[in-house]
C-alpha atoms as a PDB file:
ATOM      1  CA  MET A   1     247.369 109.374 205.629  1.00  0.00           C
ATOM      2  CA  ILE A   2     243.995 108.506 206.418  1.00  0.00           C
ATOM      3  CA  VAL A   3     242.720 111.847 205.200  1.00  0.00           C
ATOM      4  CA  GLY A   4     244.662 111.682 202.021  1.00  0.00           C
ATOM      5  CA  ARG A   5     243.491 108.239 201.446  1.00  0.00           C
ATOM      6  CA  ARG A   6     239.949 109.286 201.856  1.00  0.00           C
ATOM      7  CA  VAL A   7     240.536 112.200 199.505  1.00  0.00           C
ATOM      8  CA  ALA A   8     242.204 110.024 196.977  1.00  0.00           C
ATOM      9  CA  THR A   9     239.544 107.685 197.275  1.00  0.00           C
ATOM     10  CA  LYS A  10     236.966 110.377 196.787  1.00  0.00           C
ATOM     11  CA  ALA A  11     238.847 111.737 193.842  1.00  0.00           C
ATOM     12  CA  ALA A  12     239.059 108.344 192.368  1.00  0.00           C
ATOM     13  CA  VAL A  13     235.396 107.957 192.805  1.00  0.00           C
ATOM     14  CA  VAL A  14     234.752 111.262 191.120  1.00  0.00           C
ATOM     15  CA  ALA A  15     237.116 110.326 188.328  1.00  0.00           C
ATOM     16  CA  ARG A  16     235.394 107.039 187.825  1.00  0.00           C
ATOM     17  CA  ARG A  17     232.071 108.701 187.719  1.00  0.00           C
ATOM     18  CA  SER A  18     233.229 111.217 185.247  1.00  0.00           C
ATOM     19  CA  ASN A  19     234.855 108.596 183.067  1.00  0.00           C
ATOM     20  CA  ALA A  20     231.884 106.274 183.194  1.00  0.00           C
ATOM     21  CA  PRO A  21     229.751 106.386 180.091  1.00  0.00           C
ATOM     22  CA  LYS A  22     226.616 108.374 180.400  1.00  0.00           C
ATOM     23  CA  GLN A  23     223.357 106.463 180.260  1.00  0.00           C
ATOM     24  CA  VAL A  24     221.145 107.463 177.452  1.00  0.00           C
ATOM     25  CA  ASP A  25     217.476 107.283 178.158  1.00  0.00           C
ATOM     26  CA  ALA A  26     215.640 104.811 175.941  1.00  0.00           C
ATOM     27  CA  PRO A  27     213.131 106.372 173.621  1.00  0.00           C
ATOM     28  CA  ALA A  28     209.584 106.362 174.951  1.00  0.00           C
ATOM     29  CA  ARG A  29     207.421 103.593 173.561  1.00  0.00           C
ATOM     30  CA  PRO A  30     204.385 104.730 171.705  1.00  0.00           C
ATOM     31  CA  VAL A  31     201.169 104.079 173.590  1.00  0.00           C
ATOM     32  CA  ILE A  32     198.645 102.343 171.365  1.00  0.00           C
ATOM     33  CA  THR A  33     195.107 103.319 172.190  1.00  0.00           C
ATOM     34  CA  MET A  34     192.825 100.437 171.266  1.00  0.00           C
ATOM     35  CA  HIS A  35     189.699 101.793 172.908  1.00  0.00           C
ATOM     36  CA  ASN A  36     188.415 103.967 170.052  1.00  0.00           C
ATOM     37  CA  SER A  37     189.351 101.463 167.350  1.00  0.00           C
ATOM     38  CA  LEU A  38     187.449  98.671 169.121  1.00  0.00           C
ATOM     39  CA  LYS A  39     184.411 100.923 169.409  1.00  0.00           C
ATOM     40  CA  LYS A  40     184.467 101.652 165.711  1.00  0.00           C
ATOM     41  CA  LYS A  41     184.812  97.956 164.766  1.00  0.00           C
ATOM     42  CA  SER A  42     182.177  96.638 167.185  1.00  0.00           C
ATOM     43  CA  ARG A  43     179.493  99.204 166.316  1.00  0.00           C
ATOM     44  CA  PRO A  44     178.247  97.436 163.105  1.00  0.00           C
ATOM     45  CA  ILE A  45     178.138  94.118 164.961  1.00  0.00           C
ATOM     46  CA  VAL A  46     175.977  95.589 167.717  1.00  0.00           C
ATOM     47  CA  VAL A  47     173.630  97.104 165.137  1.00  0.00           C
ATOM     48  CA  LEU A  48     173.299  93.767 163.325  1.00  0.00           C
ATOM     49  CA  LEU A  49     172.610  91.897 166.550  1.00  0.00           C
ATOM     50  CA  ALA A  50     169.931  94.401 167.572  1.00  0.00           C
ATOM     51  CA  PHE A  51     168.291  94.175 164.139  1.00  0.00           C
ATOM     52  CA  ALA A  52     168.329  90.354 164.273  1.00  0.00           C
ATOM     53  CA  ALA A  53     166.772  90.344 167.747  1.00  0.00           C
ATOM     54  CA  ALA A  54     164.019  92.740 166.674  1.00  0.00           C
ATOM     55  CA  ALA A  55     163.282  90.705 163.537  1.00  0.00           C
ATOM     56  CA  GLY A  56     163.111  87.477 165.513  1.00  0.00           C
ATOM     57  CA  PHE A  57     160.719  88.969 168.037  1.00  0.00           C
ATOM     58  CA  PHE A  58     158.492  90.280 165.220  1.00  0.00           C
ATOM     59  CA  MET A  59     158.414  86.894 163.440  1.00  0.00           C
ATOM     60  CA  ILE A  60     157.536  85.018 166.627  1.00  0.00           C
ATOM     61  CA  ASN A  61     154.628  87.351 167.357  1.00  0.00           C
ATOM     62  CA  LEU A  62     153.515  87.160 163.721  1.00  0.00           C
ATOM     63  CA  VAL A  63     153.351  83.348 163.729  1.00  0.00           C
ATOM     64  CA  ASN A  64     151.863  82.914 167.205  1.00  0.00           C
ATOM     65  CA  PRO A  65     151.385  86.018 169.338  1.00  0.00           C
ATOM     66  CA  ASN A  66     150.531  83.914 172.374  1.00  0.00           C
ATOM     67  CA  SER A  67     153.489  81.593 172.074  1.00  0.00           C
ATOM     68  CA  PHE A  68     155.202  83.154 175.095  1.00  0.00           C
ATOM     69  CA  ALA A  69     151.997  83.253 177.153  1.00  0.00           C
ATOM     70  CA  THR A  70     150.942  79.626 176.596  1.00  0.00           C
ATOM     71  CA  ALA A  71     151.729  77.214 179.368  1.00  0.00           C
ATOM     72  CA  ASP A  72     152.385  73.568 178.615  1.00  0.00           C
ATOM     73  CA  ALA A  73     150.074  71.517 180.803  1.00  0.00           C
ATOM     74  CA  SER A  74     152.105  68.371 180.153  1.00  0.00           C
ATOM     75  CA  LEU A  75     155.271  69.884 181.644  1.00  0.00           C
ATOM     76  CA  GLN A  76     156.473  67.904 184.622  1.00  0.00           C
ATOM     77  CA  PHE A  77     158.939  69.035 187.213  1.00  0.00           C
ATOM     78  CA  ALA A  78     161.296  66.284 188.245  1.00  0.00           C
ATOM     79  CA  HIS A  79     162.703  68.194 191.198  1.00  0.00           C
ATOM     80  CA  VAL A  80     159.330  68.480 192.936  1.00  0.00           C
ATOM     81  CA  THR A  81     158.587  65.593 195.233  1.00  0.00           C
ATOM     82  CA  ASP A  82     155.396  64.766 197.071  1.00  0.00           C
ATOM     83  CA  ARG A  83     156.186  64.530 200.749  1.00  0.00           C
ATOM     84  CA  TYR A  84     152.805  62.919 201.408  1.00  0.00           C
ATOM     85  CA  ALA A  85     153.316  60.065 198.947  1.00  0.00           C
ATOM     86  CA  GLY A  86     152.829  56.630 200.499  1.00  0.00           C
ATOM     87  CA  GLN A  87     150.890  57.954 203.450  1.00  0.00           C
ATOM     88  CA  HIS A  88     147.315  56.985 204.215  1.00  0.00           C
ATOM     89  CA  PRO A  89     144.674  59.563 203.354  1.00  0.00           C
ATOM     90  CA  GLN A  90     143.432  61.535 206.257  1.00  0.00           C
ATOM     91  CA  ALA A  91     139.924  60.801 207.470  1.00  0.00           C
ATOM     92  CA  LEU A  92     137.800  63.811 208.222  1.00  0.00           C
ATOM     93  CA  ASP A  93     135.154  63.252 210.811  1.00  0.00           C
ATOM     94  CA  VAL A  94     132.350  65.738 210.568  1.00  0.00           C
ATOM     95  CA  GLY A  95     129.781  65.698 213.258  1.00  0.00           C
ATOM     96  CA  ALA A  96     126.348  67.032 212.529  1.00  0.00           C
ATOM     97  CA  ASP A  97     122.974  67.002 214.160  1.00  0.00           C
ATOM     98  CA  TYR A  98     120.077  66.090 211.893  1.00  0.00           C
ATOM     99  CA  GLN A  99     116.648  67.413 212.585  1.00  0.00           C
ATOM    100  CA  PRO A 100     113.708  65.304 211.367  1.00  0.00           C
ATOM    101  CA  VAL A 101     111.628  67.014 208.736  1.00  0.00           C
ATOM    102  CA  SER A 102     107.918  66.423 208.611  1.00  0.00           C
ATOM    103  CA  VAL A 103     106.185  66.574 205.250  1.00  0.00           C
ATOM    104  CA  GLU A 104     102.503  67.215 205.003  1.00  0.00           C
ATOM    105  CA  HIS A 105     100.615  66.267 201.884  1.00  0.00           C
ATOM    106  CA  GLU A 106      97.868  68.552 200.778  1.00  0.00           C
ATOM    107  CA  GLU A 107      94.685  66.951 199.613  1.00  0.00           C
ATOM    108  CA  TYR A 108      92.962  68.023 196.435  1.00  0.00           C
ATOM    109  CA  THR A 109      89.488  67.178 195.315  1.00  0.00           C
ATOM    110  CA  ALA A 110      88.742  67.070 191.594  1.00  0.00           C
ATOM    111  CA  THR A 111      85.228  67.065 190.284  1.00  0.00           C
ATOM    112  CA  LEU A 112      84.765  65.464 186.910  1.00  0.00           C
ATOM    113  CA  PRO A 113      81.989  66.642 184.648  1.00  0.00           C
ATOM    114  CA  PRO A 114      79.121  64.210 184.413  1.00  0.00           C
ATOM    115  CA  LYS A 115      79.214  61.831 181.492  1.00  0.00           C
ATOM    116  CA  PRO A 116      76.655  62.607 178.840  1.00  0.00           C
ATOM    117  CA  SER A 117      73.832  60.152 178.827  1.00  0.00           C
ATOM    118  CA  PRO A 118      73.635  57.997 175.714  1.00  0.00           C
ATOM    119  CA  THR A 119      71.259  59.148 173.092  1.00  0.00           C
ATOM    120  CA  PRO A 120      68.251  56.845 173.096  1.00  0.00           C
ATOM    121  CA  THR A 121      67.658  54.954 169.915  1.00  0.00           C
ATOM    122  CA  PRO A 122      64.509  56.285 168.343  1.00  0.00           C
ATOM    123  CA  THR A 123      61.779  53.767 167.842  1.00  0.00           C
ATOM    124  CA  LYS A 124      60.185  53.390 164.506  1.00  0.00           C
ATOM    125  CA  THR A 125      56.919  55.200 164.315  1.00  0.00           C
ATOM    126  CA  ALA A 126      54.588  56.185 161.583  1.00  0.00           C
ATOM    127  CA  ALA A 127      56.345  59.569 161.277  1.00  0.00           C
ATOM    128  CA  THR A 128      59.809  58.053 160.867  1.00  0.00           C
ATOM    129  CA  THR A 129      58.493  55.564 158.353  1.00  0.00           C
ATOM    130  CA  THR A 130      57.013  58.415 156.344  1.00  0.00           C
ATOM    131  CA  ALA A 131      60.317  60.333 156.486  1.00  0.00           C
ATOM    132  CA  ALA A 132      62.255  57.282 155.322  1.00  0.00           C
ATOM    133  CA  ALA A 133      59.850  56.831 152.474  1.00  0.00           C
ATOM    134  CA  ALA A 134      60.326  60.467 151.483  1.00  0.00           C
ATOM    135  CA  ALA A 135      64.116  60.032 151.468  1.00  0.00           C
ATOM    136  CA  ALA A 136      63.935  56.977 149.239  1.00  0.00           C
ATOM    137  CA  PRO A 137      64.365  57.414 145.466  1.00  0.00           C
ATOM    138  CA  VAL A 138      61.230  58.806 143.910  1.00  0.00           C
ATOM    139  CA  THR A 139      59.559  56.332 141.617  1.00  0.00           C
ATOM    140  CA  ALA A 140      56.402  56.693 139.608  1.00  0.00           C
ATOM    141  CA  ALA A 141      54.323  54.012 138.011  1.00  0.00           C
ATOM    142  CA  ALA A 142      53.814  54.284 134.304  1.00  0.00           C
ATOM    143  CA  PRO A 143      50.861  53.062 132.291  1.00  0.00           C
ATOM    144  CA  ALA A 144      51.116  49.392 131.513  1.00  0.00           C
ATOM    145  CA  ALA A 145      52.880  48.876 128.236  1.00  0.00           C
ATOM    146  CA  PRO A 146      51.124  46.871 125.500  1.00  0.00           C
ATOM    147  CA  PRO A 147      52.679  43.543 124.527  1.00  0.00           C
ATOM    148  CA  ALA A 148      55.812  44.068 122.438  1.00  0.00           C
ATOM    149  CA  ALA A 149      55.844  42.753 118.878  1.00  0.00           C
ATOM    150  CA  PRO A 150      58.413  40.024 118.378  1.00  0.00           C
ATOM    151  CA  GLY A 151      61.681  41.123 116.746  1.00  0.00           C
ATOM    152  CA  THR A 152      61.318  44.737 117.780  1.00  0.00           C
ATOM    153  CA  ALA A 153      63.485  46.869 120.023  1.00  0.00           C
ATOM    154  CA  GLN A 154      60.851  46.806 122.790  1.00  0.00           C
ATOM    155  CA  ALA A 155      60.656  43.003 122.719  1.00  0.00           C
ATOM    156  CA  TRP A 156      64.460  42.746 123.067  1.00  0.00           C
ATOM    157  CA  ALA A 157      64.432  45.369 125.873  1.00  0.00           C
ATOM    158  CA  GLN A 158      61.770  43.406 127.804  1.00  0.00           C
ATOM    159  CA  GLN A 159      63.919  40.264 127.692  1.00  0.00           C
ATOM    160  CA  TYR A 160      67.020  42.264 128.717  1.00  0.00           C
ATOM    161  CA  LEU A 161      65.242  43.735 131.760  1.00  0.00           C
ATOM    162  CA  ALA A 162      64.041  40.260 132.760  1.00  0.00           C
ATOM    163  CA  SER A 163      67.699  39.066 132.723  1.00  0.00           C
ATOM    164  CA  MET A 164      68.463  41.912 135.145  1.00  0.00           C
ATOM    165  CA  GLY A 165      65.656  40.827 137.517  1.00  0.00           C
ATOM    166  CA  MET A 166      63.211  43.567 136.570  1.00  0.00           C
ATOM    167  CA  GLY A 167      59.496  42.910 135.944  1.00  0.00           C
ATOM    168  CA  ASP A 168      56.781  44.358 133.755  1.00  0.00           C
ATOM    169  CA  ASP A 169      56.405  47.463 135.923  1.00  0.00           C
ATOM    170  CA  GLN A 170      59.959  48.549 135.128  1.00  0.00           C
ATOM    171  CA  PHE A 171      59.447  47.665 131.489  1.00  0.00           C
ATOM    172  CA  SER A 172      56.332  49.857 131.383  1.00  0.00           C
ATOM    173  CA  CYS A 173      58.321  52.800 132.854  1.00  0.00           C
ATOM    174  CA  LEU A 174      61.067  52.252 130.267  1.00  0.00           C
ATOM    175  CA  VAL A 175      58.532  52.167 127.409  1.00  0.00           C
ATOM    176  CA  SER A 176      56.947  55.441 128.569  1.00  0.00           C
ATOM    177  CA  LEU A 177      60.377  57.098 129.074  1.00  0.00           C
ATOM    178  CA  TRP A 178      61.833  56.307 125.681  1.00  0.00           C
ATOM    179  CA  ASN A 179      58.538  56.940 123.905  1.00  0.00           C
ATOM    180  CA  ARG A 180      58.921  60.522 125.115  1.00  0.00           C
ATOM    181  CA  GLU A 181      62.626  60.736 124.231  1.00  0.00           C
ATOM    182  CA  SER A 182      62.848  59.082 120.801  1.00  0.00           C
ATOM    183  CA  GLY A 183      59.750  57.004 120.064  1.00  0.00           C
ATOM    184  CA  TRP A 184      62.133  53.995 120.159  1.00  0.00           C
ATOM    185  CA  ASN A 185      63.738  55.158 116.903  1.00  0.00           C
ATOM    186  CA  THR A 186      67.298  53.824 116.531  1.00  0.00           C
ATOM    187  CA  HIS A 187      68.336  56.770 114.333  1.00  0.00           C
ATOM    188  CA  ALA A 188      66.537  59.522 116.196  1.00  0.00           C
ATOM    189  CA  SER A 189      68.697  62.645 116.413  1.00  0.00           C
ATOM    190  CA  ASN A 190      68.431  66.037 118.059  1.00  0.00           C
ATOM    191  CA  PRO A 191      70.007  69.376 117.103  1.00  0.00           C
ATOM    192  CA  SER A 192      71.713  69.342 120.524  1.00  0.00           C
ATOM    193  CA  GLY A 193      73.655  66.237 119.478  1.00  0.00           C
ATOM    194  CA  ALA A 194      71.565  63.609 121.249  1.00  0.00           C
ATOM    195  CA  TYR A 195      71.184  60.368 119.297  1.00  0.00           C
ATOM    196  CA  GLY A 196      69.464  56.988 119.329  1.00  0.00           C
ATOM    197  CA  ILE A 197      66.706  55.413 121.413  1.00  0.00           C
ATOM    198  CA  PRO A 198      68.095  56.633 124.793  1.00  0.00           C
ATOM    199  CA  GLN A 199      69.060  60.010 123.292  1.00  0.00           C
ATOM    200  CA  ALA A 200      72.662  59.844 124.483  1.00  0.00           C
ATOM    201  CA  LEU A 201      74.331  63.279 124.470  1.00  0.00           C
ATOM    202  CA  PRO A 202      76.570  63.142 122.579  1.00  0.00           C
ATOM    203  CA  GLY A 203      75.650  59.950 120.734  1.00  0.00           C
ATOM    204  CA  SER A 204      79.290  58.807 120.595  1.00  0.00           C
ATOM    205  CA  LYS A 205      79.063  57.951 124.299  1.00  0.00           C
ATOM    206  CA  MET A 206      77.285  54.734 123.292  1.00  0.00           C
ATOM    207  CA  SER A 207      80.484  53.465 121.635  1.00  0.00           C
ATOM    208  CA  SER A 208      81.461  52.188 125.083  1.00  0.00           C
ATOM    209  CA  ALA A 209      78.719  49.539 124.670  1.00  0.00           C
ATOM    210  CA  GLY A 210      79.712  48.543 121.115  1.00  0.00           C
ATOM    211  CA  PRO A 211      81.129  49.887 117.871  1.00  0.00           C
ATOM    212  CA  ASP A 212      77.737  49.561 116.066  1.00  0.00           C
ATOM    213  CA  TRP A 213      76.040  52.071 118.352  1.00  0.00           C
ATOM    214  CA  GLN A 214      74.715  54.145 115.425  1.00  0.00           C
ATOM    215  CA  ASN A 215      72.561  51.311 113.929  1.00  0.00           C
ATOM    216  CA  SER A 216      72.096  48.626 116.642  1.00  0.00           C
ATOM    217  CA  TYR A 217      69.148  49.017 119.026  1.00  0.00           C
ATOM    218  CA  GLU A 218      70.664  46.257 121.197  1.00  0.00           C
ATOM    219  CA  THR A 219      73.851  48.288 121.755  1.00  0.00           C
ATOM    220  CA  GLN A 220      71.801  51.431 122.403  1.00  0.00           C
ATOM    221  CA  ILE A 221      69.515  49.661 124.917  1.00  0.00           C
ATOM    222  CA  LYS A 222      72.532  48.194 126.789  1.00  0.00           C
ATOM    223  CA  TRP A 223      74.131  51.592 127.102  1.00  0.00           C
ATOM    224  CA  GLY A 224      70.805  53.262 128.066  1.00  0.00           C
ATOM    225  CA  MET A 225      70.115  50.734 130.827  1.00  0.00           C
ATOM    226  CA  GLY A 226      73.645  51.174 132.190  1.00  0.00           C
ATOM    227  CA  TYR A 227      73.095  54.942 132.363  1.00  0.00           C
ATOM    228  CA  ILE A 228      69.662  54.566 134.051  1.00  0.00           C
ATOM    229  CA  THR A 229      70.785  52.072 136.737  1.00  0.00           C
ATOM    230  CA  GLY A 230      73.888  54.117 137.506  1.00  0.00           C
ATOM    231  CA  ARG A 231      71.966  57.381 137.934  1.00  0.00           C
ATOM    232  CA  TYR A 232      68.387  56.466 138.896  1.00  0.00           C
ATOM    233  CA  THR A 233      68.575  52.818 140.058  1.00  0.00           C
ATOM    234  CA  ASN A 234      65.826  51.640 137.719  1.00  0.00           C
ATOM    235  CA  PRO A 235      63.616  52.810 134.805  1.00  0.00           C
ATOM    236  CA  CYS A 236      60.780  53.933 137.106  1.00  0.00           C
ATOM    237  CA  GLY A 237      63.217  56.254 138.947  1.00  0.00           C
ATOM    238  CA  ALA A 238      64.273  57.755 135.620  1.00  0.00           C
ATOM    239  CA  TRP A 239      60.636  58.112 134.594  1.00  0.00           C
ATOM    240  CA  ALA A 240      59.783  59.968 137.818  1.00  0.00           C
ATOM    241  CA  HIS A 241      62.673  62.411 137.244  1.00  0.00           C
ATOM    242  CA  SER A 242      61.566  62.961 133.683  1.00  0.00           C
ATOM    243  CA  GLN A 243      58.007  63.608 134.870  1.00  0.00           C
ATOM    244  CA  SER A 244      59.200  66.336 137.274  1.00  0.00           C
ATOM    245  CA  THR A 245      61.900  68.011 135.150  1.00  0.00           C
ATOM    246  CA  GLY A 246      61.210  67.016 131.562  1.00  0.00           C
ATOM    247  CA  TRP A 247      64.567  65.250 131.126  1.00  0.00           C
ATOM    248  CA  TYR A 248      66.494  62.390 132.665  1.00  0.00           C
END
């Protein structure tokens, strides 16, 4: 019974297995490979990022090539602390031996050249008096002039010289000088252009003494005396020059 039971039981088991519906394997799920598709999509992004990085680096170097190499001196580091803050400074005692130094001064002797002796003032002697006389304006005495007729050019000239402090000797030299030049003729003329009693060259120079210089012996005498005193000091000086050169 036991055997048959086991057989029955085994047969029943076989029957159940045979009658049980067969399991059908589920279809295999497709495996989606995302690796290649991600590579294809991310490649343009990587290229763009690389191009942007290169462009940024180029622009920074173009604006300021040393921007990355410049250090900011004002940068402070908050995390650095001074462990010696608040402490007294250390005193350094340096011992040294000092040797006295002796300094010797050299002596120099300077010899100054002797001062030149002052030039003695020469005393006046006969020789120096003669030399001074030779250096003085040369004057020559003229023959004494005869008395001038009243109302003539010579009479007016004699009075004019007296007003200037000149005596008869100067008047005599003036008479001799202008006798040689013009003969005391108010309208005396010369082909060279000289004119009047003093023979001014040109005659128009006498206009400085007055506008009537062509006809007035007074104007001509004033101008002539101004020329003589300015060039020869007095009429005798002009007469001496005329005696030596033939003109004054």
